[in-house]
């Protein structure tokens, strides 16, 4: 039984996610290590399942243009 609502599953799957997804995290680990950060096991587990599952999204309200929701740690480190 899924823990996600049908709406959340739709967005996740459209982003490239699938149950059991396992992405190689070696590049992210190297990026962290280069600046002295040790990747925590929970962060690695999250990135293995969700990392790189980007989604083009049109924001509601007065947002003038679409944007992409990115799930890689490089975004927070200024590396897109």
PDB file of N, CA and C in Angstrom:
ATOM      1  N   UNK A   1       0.848  -1.190   0.000  1.00  0.00           N
ATOM      2  CA  UNK A   1       0.000   0.000   0.000  1.00  0.00           C
ATOM      3  C   UNK A   1       0.889   1.248   0.000  1.00  0.00           C
ATOM      4  N   UNK A   2       0.570   2.189  -0.846  1.00  0.00           N
ATOM      5  CA  UNK A   2       1.363   3.408  -0.985  1.00  0.00           C
ATOM      6  C   UNK A   2       1.113   4.371   0.167  1.00  0.00           C
ATOM      7  N   UNK A   3       2.168   5.072   0.573  1.00  0.00           N
ATOM      8  CA  UNK A   3       2.047   6.104   1.600  1.00  0.00           C
ATOM      9  C   UNK A   3       1.731   7.455   0.983  1.00  0.00           C
ATOM     10  N   UNK A   4       1.730   7.550  -0.335  1.00  0.00           N
ATOM     11  CA  UNK A   4       1.535   8.809  -1.044  1.00  0.00           C
ATOM     12  C   UNK A   4       0.109   8.916  -1.547  1.00  0.00           C
ATOM     13  N   UNK A   5      -0.429  10.132  -1.549  1.00  0.00           N
ATOM     14  CA  UNK A   5      -1.750  10.357  -2.133  1.00  0.00           C
ATOM     15  C   UNK A   5      -1.641  10.208  -3.646  1.00  0.00           C
ATOM     16  N   UNK A   6      -2.743   9.976  -4.333  1.00  0.00           N
ATOM     17  CA  UNK A   6      -2.696   9.877  -5.796  1.00  0.00           C
ATOM     18  C   UNK A   6      -2.108  11.127  -6.453  1.00  0.00           C
ATOM     19  N   UNK A   7      -2.386  12.306  -5.904  1.00  0.00           N
ATOM     20  CA  UNK A   7      -1.864  13.547  -6.465  1.00  0.00           C
ATOM     21  C   UNK A   7      -0.349  13.614  -6.327  1.00  0.00           C
ATOM     22  N   UNK A   8       0.171  13.230  -5.167  1.00  0.00           N
ATOM     23  CA  UNK A   8       1.616  13.242  -4.948  1.00  0.00           C
ATOM     24  C   UNK A   8       2.281  12.209  -5.846  1.00  0.00           C
ATOM     25  N   UNK A   9       1.709  11.021  -5.952  1.00  0.00           N
ATOM     26  CA  UNK A   9       2.259   9.990  -6.837  1.00  0.00           C
ATOM     27  C   UNK A   9       2.328  10.473  -8.274  1.00  0.00           C
ATOM     28  N   UNK A  10       1.301  11.172  -8.724  1.00  0.00           N
ATOM     29  CA  UNK A  10       1.281  11.697 -10.093  1.00  0.00           C
ATOM     30  C   UNK A  10       2.453  12.650 -10.332  1.00  0.00           C
ATOM     31  N   UNK A  11       2.689  13.555  -9.399  1.00  0.00           N
ATOM     32  CA  UNK A  11       3.795  14.510  -9.531  1.00  0.00           C
ATOM     33  C   UNK A  11       5.138  13.792  -9.470  1.00  0.00           C
ATOM     34  N   UNK A  12       5.301  12.888  -8.511  1.00  0.00           N
ATOM     35  CA  UNK A  12       6.563  12.150  -8.384  1.00  0.00           C
ATOM     36  C   UNK A  12       6.864  11.348  -9.647  1.00  0.00           C
ATOM     37  N   UNK A  13       5.891  10.628 -10.136  1.00  0.00           N
ATOM     38  CA  UNK A  13       6.106   9.797 -11.322  1.00  0.00           C
ATOM     39  C   UNK A  13       6.391  10.644 -12.553  1.00  0.00           C
ATOM     40  N   UNK A  14       5.747  11.794 -12.674  1.00  0.00           N
ATOM     41  CA  UNK A  14       6.016  12.696 -13.799  1.00  0.00           C
ATOM     42  C   UNK A  14       7.426  13.273 -13.718  1.00  0.00           C
ATOM     43  N   UNK A  15       8.017  13.232 -12.523  1.00  0.00           N
ATOM     44  CA  UNK A  15       9.369  13.754 -12.312  1.00  0.00           C
ATOM     45  C   UNK A  15      10.447  12.707 -12.546  1.00  0.00           C
ATOM     46  N   UNK A  16      10.046  11.483 -12.819  1.00  0.00           N
ATOM     47  CA  UNK A  16      11.006  10.423 -13.050  1.00  0.00           C
ATOM     48  C   UNK A  16      11.175   9.470 -11.895  1.00  0.00           C
ATOM     49  N   UNK A  17      10.423   9.669 -10.824  1.00  0.00           N
ATOM     50  CA  UNK A  17      10.496   8.796  -9.662  1.00  0.00           C
ATOM     51  C   UNK A  17       9.679   7.533  -9.913  1.00  0.00           C
ATOM     52  N   UNK A  18      10.100   6.424  -9.312  1.00  0.00           N
ATOM     53  CA  UNK A  18       9.332   5.179  -9.296  1.00  0.00           C
ATOM     54  C   UNK A  18       9.663   4.460  -7.992  1.00  0.00           C
ATOM     55  N   UNK A  19       8.735   3.685  -7.502  1.00  0.00           N
ATOM     56  CA  UNK A  19       8.971   2.921  -6.277  1.00  0.00           C
ATOM     57  C   UNK A  19      10.212   2.054  -6.467  1.00  0.00           C
ATOM     58  N   UNK A  20      11.088   2.051  -5.471  1.00  0.00           N
ATOM     59  CA  UNK A  20      12.310   1.266  -5.548  1.00  0.00           C
ATOM     60  C   UNK A  20      13.445   1.934  -6.306  1.00  0.00           C
ATOM     61  N   UNK A  21      13.258   3.182  -6.715  1.00  0.00           N
ATOM     62  CA  UNK A  21      14.277   3.918  -7.482  1.00  0.00           C
ATOM     63  C   UNK A  21      15.581   3.990  -6.695  1.00  0.00           C
ATOM     64  N   UNK A  22      16.700   3.738  -7.354  1.00  0.00           N
ATOM     65  CA  UNK A  22      18.020   3.783  -6.725  1.00  0.00           C
ATOM     66  C   UNK A  22      18.988   4.499  -7.655  1.00  0.00           C
ATOM     67  N   UNK A  23      19.242   5.769  -7.401  1.00  0.00           N
ATOM     68  CA  UNK A  23      20.142   6.596  -8.211  1.00  0.00           C
ATOM     69  C   UNK A  23      21.547   6.534  -7.620  1.00  0.00           C
ATOM     70  N   UNK A  24      22.544   6.518  -8.464  1.00  0.00           N
ATOM     71  CA  UNK A  24      23.939   6.546  -8.015  1.00  0.00           C
ATOM     72  C   UNK A  24      24.233   7.906  -7.382  1.00  0.00           C
ATOM     73  N   UNK A  25      24.719   7.908  -6.165  1.00  0.00           N
ATOM     74  CA  UNK A  25      24.978   9.152  -5.440  1.00  0.00           C
ATOM     75  C   UNK A  25      26.464   9.514  -5.387  1.00  0.00           C
ATOM     76  N   UNK A  26      27.301   8.790  -6.109  1.00  0.00           N
ATOM     77  CA  UNK A  26      28.755   9.013  -6.044  1.00  0.00           C
ATOM     78  C   UNK A  26      29.136  10.450  -6.406  1.00  0.00           C
ATOM     79  N   UNK A  27      28.505  11.024  -7.410  1.00  0.00           N
ATOM     80  CA  UNK A  27      28.816  12.404  -7.810  1.00  0.00           C
ATOM     81  C   UNK A  27      28.494  13.399  -6.716  1.00  0.00           C
ATOM     82  N   UNK A  28      27.357  13.217  -6.076  1.00  0.00           N
ATOM     83  CA  UNK A  28      26.981  14.111  -4.985  1.00  0.00           C
ATOM     84  C   UNK A  28      27.923  13.924  -3.796  1.00  0.00           C
ATOM     85  N   UNK A  29      28.257  12.668  -3.502  1.00  0.00           N
ATOM     86  CA  UNK A  29      29.177  12.390  -2.398  1.00  0.00           C
ATOM     87  C   UNK A  29      30.515  13.097  -2.653  1.00  0.00           C
ATOM     88  N   UNK A  30      31.025  13.010  -3.875  1.00  0.00           N
ATOM     89  CA  UNK A  30      32.289  13.677  -4.229  1.00  0.00           C
ATOM     90  C   UNK A  30      32.179  15.186  -4.080  1.00  0.00           C
ATOM     91  N   UNK A  31      31.045  15.739  -4.495  1.00  0.00           N
ATOM     92  CA  UNK A  31      30.824  17.173  -4.386  1.00  0.00           C
ATOM     93  C   UNK A  31      30.867  17.598  -2.912  1.00  0.00           C
ATOM     94  N   UNK A  32      30.224  16.832  -2.054  1.00  0.00           N
ATOM     95  CA  UNK A  32      30.243  17.123  -0.619  1.00  0.00           C
ATOM     96  C   UNK A  32      31.648  17.020  -0.053  1.00  0.00           C
ATOM     97  N   UNK A  33      32.310  15.903  -0.354  1.00  0.00           N
ATOM     98  CA  UNK A  33      33.644  15.675   0.197  1.00  0.00           C
ATOM     99  C   UNK A  33      34.626  16.773  -0.214  1.00  0.00           C
ATOM    100  N   UNK A  34      34.445  17.329  -1.407  1.00  0.00           N
ATOM    101  CA  UNK A  34      35.338  18.386  -1.900  1.00  0.00           C
ATOM    102  C   UNK A  34      35.279  19.638  -1.035  1.00  0.00           C
ATOM    103  N   UNK A  35      34.172  19.820  -0.308  1.00  0.00           N
ATOM    104  CA  UNK A  35      34.046  20.992   0.563  1.00  0.00           C
ATOM    105  C   UNK A  35      34.000  20.598   2.041  1.00  0.00           C
ATOM    106  N   UNK A  36      34.400  19.346   2.331  1.00  0.00           N
ATOM    107  CA  UNK A  36      34.509  18.909   3.720  1.00  0.00           C
ATOM    108  C   UNK A  36      33.225  18.451   4.380  1.00  0.00           C
ATOM    109  N   UNK A  37      32.227  18.092   3.596  1.00  0.00           N
ATOM    110  CA  UNK A  37      30.951  17.624   4.153  1.00  0.00           C
ATOM    111  C   UNK A  37      30.871  16.108   4.002  1.00  0.00           C
ATOM    112  N   UNK A  38      30.512  15.426   5.089  1.00  0.00           N
ATOM    113  CA  UNK A  38      30.320  13.980   5.053  1.00  0.00           C
ATOM    114  C   UNK A  38      28.833  13.713   4.827  1.00  0.00           C
ATOM    115  N   UNK A  39      28.504  12.933   3.793  1.00  0.00           N
ATOM    116  CA  UNK A  39      27.101  12.631   3.501  1.00  0.00           C
ATOM    117  C   UNK A  39      26.543  11.672   4.548  1.00  0.00           C
ATOM    118  N   UNK A  40      25.511  12.085   5.230  1.00  0.00           N
ATOM    119  CA  UNK A  40      24.827  11.284   6.235  1.00  0.00           C
ATOM    120  C   UNK A  40      24.054  10.163   5.532  1.00  0.00           C
ATOM    121  N   UNK A  41      23.893   9.028   6.197  1.00  0.00           N
ATOM    122  CA  UNK A  41      23.176   7.895   5.612  1.00  0.00           C
ATOM    123  C   UNK A  41      21.755   8.264   5.193  1.00  0.00           C
ATOM    124  N   UNK A  42      21.073   9.081   6.000  1.00  0.00           N
ATOM    125  CA  UNK A  42      19.699   9.478   5.665  1.00  0.00           C
ATOM    126  C   UNK A  42      19.678  10.345   4.411  1.00  0.00           C
ATOM    127  N   UNK A  43      20.680  11.214   4.255  1.00  0.00           N
ATOM    128  CA  UNK A  43      20.756  12.045   3.047  1.00  0.00           C
ATOM    129  C   UNK A  43      21.006  11.177   1.823  1.00  0.00           C
ATOM    130  N   UNK A  44      21.873  10.209   1.967  1.00  0.00           N
ATOM    131  CA  UNK A  44      22.148   9.313   0.844  1.00  0.00           C
ATOM    132  C   UNK A  44      20.903   8.514   0.464  1.00  0.00           C
ATOM    133  N   UNK A  45      20.175   8.010   1.446  1.00  0.00           N
ATOM    134  CA  UNK A  45      18.949   7.254   1.171  1.00  0.00           C
ATOM    135  C   UNK A  45      17.929   8.125   0.442  1.00  0.00           C
ATOM    136  N   UNK A  46      17.787   9.386   0.893  1.00  0.00           N
ATOM    137  CA  UNK A  46      16.863  10.304   0.228  1.00  0.00           C
ATOM    138  C   UNK A  46      17.288  10.548  -1.220  1.00  0.00           C
ATOM    139  N   UNK A  47      18.577  10.837  -1.415  1.00  0.00           N
ATOM    140  CA  UNK A  47      19.068  11.128  -2.758  1.00  0.00           C
ATOM    141  C   UNK A  47      18.981   9.919  -3.668  1.00  0.00           C
ATOM    142  N   UNK A  48      19.197   8.730  -3.141  1.00  0.00           N
ATOM    143  CA  UNK A  48      19.062   7.531  -3.963  1.00  0.00           C
ATOM    144  C   UNK A  48      17.650   7.406  -4.510  1.00  0.00           C
ATOM    145  N   UNK A  49      16.662   7.759  -3.708  1.00  0.00           N
ATOM    146  CA  UNK A  49      15.273   7.614  -4.142  1.00  0.00           C
ATOM    147  C   UNK A  49      14.751   8.829  -4.907  1.00  0.00           C
ATOM    148  N   UNK A  50      15.110  10.031  -4.478  1.00  0.00           N
ATOM    149  CA  UNK A  50      14.495  11.228  -5.053  1.00  0.00           C
ATOM    150  C   UNK A  50      15.457  12.144  -5.808  1.00  0.00           C
ATOM    151  N   UNK A  51      16.753  11.983  -5.627  1.00  0.00           N
ATOM    152  CA  UNK A  51      17.727  12.878  -6.253  1.00  0.00           C
ATOM    153  C   UNK A  51      17.624  12.889  -7.763  1.00  0.00           C
ATOM    154  N   UNK A  52      17.631  14.071  -8.316  1.00  0.00           N
ATOM    155  CA  UNK A  52      17.583  14.223  -9.765  1.00  0.00           C
ATOM    156  C   UNK A  52      16.200  14.071 -10.372  1.00  0.00           C
ATOM    157  N   UNK A  53      15.190  13.874  -9.553  1.00  0.00           N
ATOM    158  CA  UNK A  53      13.816  13.767 -10.069  1.00  0.00           C
ATOM    159  C   UNK A  53      13.262  15.183 -10.201  1.00  0.00           C
ATOM    160  N   UNK A  54      13.654  15.867 -11.270  1.00  0.00           N
ATOM    161  CA  UNK A  54      13.272  17.268 -11.473  1.00  0.00           C
ATOM    162  C   UNK A  54      11.897  17.363 -12.117  1.00  0.00           C
ATOM    163  N   UNK A  55      11.233  18.456 -11.848  1.00  0.00           N
ATOM    164  CA  UNK A  55       9.869  18.629 -12.346  1.00  0.00           C
ATOM    165  C   UNK A  55       9.663  20.059 -12.804  1.00  0.00           C
ATOM    166  N   UNK A  56       9.288  20.236 -14.054  1.00  0.00           N
ATOM    167  CA  UNK A  56       8.880  21.555 -14.557  1.00  0.00           C
ATOM    168  C   UNK A  56       7.507  21.840 -13.956  1.00  0.00           C
ATOM    169  N   UNK A  57       7.344  23.018 -13.389  1.00  0.00           N
ATOM    170  CA  UNK A  57       6.104  23.319 -12.671  1.00  0.00           C
ATOM    171  C   UNK A  57       5.663  24.747 -12.961  1.00  0.00           C
ATOM    172  N   UNK A  58       4.388  24.927 -13.198  1.00  0.00           N
ATOM    173  CA  UNK A  58       3.819  26.260 -13.357  1.00  0.00           C
ATOM    174  C   UNK A  58       3.173  26.637 -12.025  1.00  0.00           C
ATOM    175  N   UNK A  59       3.702  27.675 -11.409  1.00  0.00           N
ATOM    176  CA  UNK A  59       3.256  28.081 -10.082  1.00  0.00           C
ATOM    177  C   UNK A  59       1.909  28.777 -10.146  1.00  0.00           C
ATOM    178  N   UNK A  60       1.063  28.593  -9.122  1.00  0.00           N
ATOM    179  CA  UNK A  60      -0.240  29.264  -9.092  1.00  0.00           C
ATOM    180  C   UNK A  60      -0.091  30.748  -8.754  1.00  0.00           C
ATOM    181  N   UNK A  61      -1.169  31.467  -8.930  1.00  0.00           N
ATOM    182  CA  UNK A  61      -1.181  32.869  -8.523  1.00  0.00           C
ATOM    183  C   UNK A  61      -0.464  33.777  -9.492  1.00  0.00           C
ATOM    184  N   UNK A  62       0.316  34.691  -8.947  1.00  0.00           N
ATOM    185  CA  UNK A  62       0.902  35.742  -9.778  1.00  0.00           C
ATOM    186  C   UNK A  62       2.328  35.445 -10.225  1.00  0.00           C
ATOM    187  N   UNK A  63       2.745  34.193 -10.188  1.00  0.00           N
ATOM    188  CA  UNK A  63       4.077  33.852 -10.689  1.00  0.00           C
ATOM    189  C   UNK A  63       4.067  33.969 -12.207  1.00  0.00           C
ATOM    190  N   UNK A  64       4.950  34.768 -12.789  1.00  0.00           N
ATOM    191  CA  UNK A  64       4.877  35.063 -14.218  1.00  0.00           C
ATOM    192  C   UNK A  64       5.368  33.950 -15.139  1.00  0.00           C
ATOM    193  N   UNK A  65       6.168  33.014 -14.650  1.00  0.00           N
ATOM    194  CA  UNK A  65       6.707  31.997 -15.562  1.00  0.00           C
ATOM    195  C   UNK A  65       6.917  30.676 -14.832  1.00  0.00           C
ATOM    196  N   UNK A  66       7.025  29.613 -15.609  1.00  0.00           N
ATOM    197  CA  UNK A  66       7.242  28.310 -14.977  1.00  0.00           C
ATOM    198  C   UNK A  66       8.629  28.219 -14.363  1.00  0.00           C
ATOM    199  N   UNK A  67       8.795  27.264 -13.509  1.00  0.00           N
ATOM    200  CA  UNK A  67      10.092  27.001 -12.909  1.00  0.00           C
ATOM    201  C   UNK A  67      10.293  25.512 -12.777  1.00  0.00           C
ATOM    202  N   UNK A  68      11.499  25.112 -12.495  1.00  0.00           N
ATOM    203  CA  UNK A  68      11.781  23.698 -12.331  1.00  0.00           C
ATOM    204  C   UNK A  68      12.087  23.419 -10.871  1.00  0.00           C
ATOM    205  N   UNK A  69      11.427  22.422 -10.326  1.00  0.00           N
ATOM    206  CA  UNK A  69      11.709  21.971  -8.974  1.00  0.00           C
ATOM    207  C   UNK A  69      12.831  20.955  -9.098  1.00  0.00           C
ATOM    208  N   UNK A  70      13.971  21.240  -8.501  1.00  0.00           N
ATOM    209  CA  UNK A  70      15.136  20.363  -8.596  1.00  0.00           C
ATOM    210  C   UNK A  70      15.407  19.708  -7.249  1.00  0.00           C
ATOM    211  N   UNK A  71      15.815  18.434  -7.286  1.00  0.00           N
ATOM    212  CA  UNK A  71      15.998  17.681  -6.049  1.00  0.00           C
ATOM    213  C   UNK A  71      17.429  17.182  -5.857  1.00  0.00           C
ATOM    214  N   UNK A  72      18.383  17.860  -6.428  1.00  0.00           N
ATOM    215  CA  UNK A  72      19.780  17.501  -6.209  1.00  0.00           C
ATOM    216  C   UNK A  72      20.435  18.505  -5.272  1.00  0.00           C
ATOM    217  N   UNK A  73      21.370  18.070  -4.463  1.00  0.00           N
ATOM    218  CA  UNK A  73      22.009  18.989  -3.516  1.00  0.00           C
ATOM    219  C   UNK A  73      22.868  20.041  -4.181  1.00  0.00           C
ATOM    220  N   UNK A  74      23.239  19.862  -5.427  1.00  0.00           N
ATOM    221  CA  UNK A  74      24.029  20.862  -6.128  1.00  0.00           C
ATOM    222  C   UNK A  74      23.296  22.191  -6.241  1.00  0.00           C
ATOM    223  N   UNK A  75      21.962  22.155  -6.246  1.00  0.00           N
ATOM    224  CA  UNK A  75      21.168  23.389  -6.325  1.00  0.00           C
ATOM    225  C   UNK A  75      21.471  24.266  -5.139  1.00  0.00           C
ATOM    226  N   UNK A  76      21.490  23.702  -3.944  1.00  0.00           N
ATOM    227  CA  UNK A  76      21.767  24.465  -2.740  1.00  0.00           C
ATOM    228  C   UNK A  76      23.215  24.931  -2.646  1.00  0.00           C
ATOM    229  N   UNK A  77      24.082  24.287  -3.415  1.00  0.00           N
ATOM    230  CA  UNK A  77      25.494  24.640  -3.397  1.00  0.00           C
ATOM    231  C   UNK A  77      25.860  25.504  -4.615  1.00  0.00           C
ATOM    232  N   UNK A  78      24.823  25.963  -5.342  1.00  0.00           N
ATOM    233  CA  UNK A  78      25.066  26.824  -6.500  1.00  0.00           C
ATOM    234  C   UNK A  78      25.605  26.074  -7.696  1.00  0.00           C
ATOM    235  N   UNK A  79      25.347  24.780  -7.772  1.00  0.00           N
ATOM    236  CA  UNK A  79      25.853  23.970  -8.885  1.00  0.00           C
ATOM    237  C   UNK A  79      24.731  23.322  -9.676  1.00  0.00           C
ATOM    238  N   UNK A  80      23.550  23.934  -9.655  1.00  0.00           N
ATOM    239  CA  UNK A  80      22.421  23.503 -10.443  1.00  0.00           C
ATOM    240  C   UNK A  80      22.116  22.097 -10.416  1.00  0.00           C
TER     241      UNK A  80
END
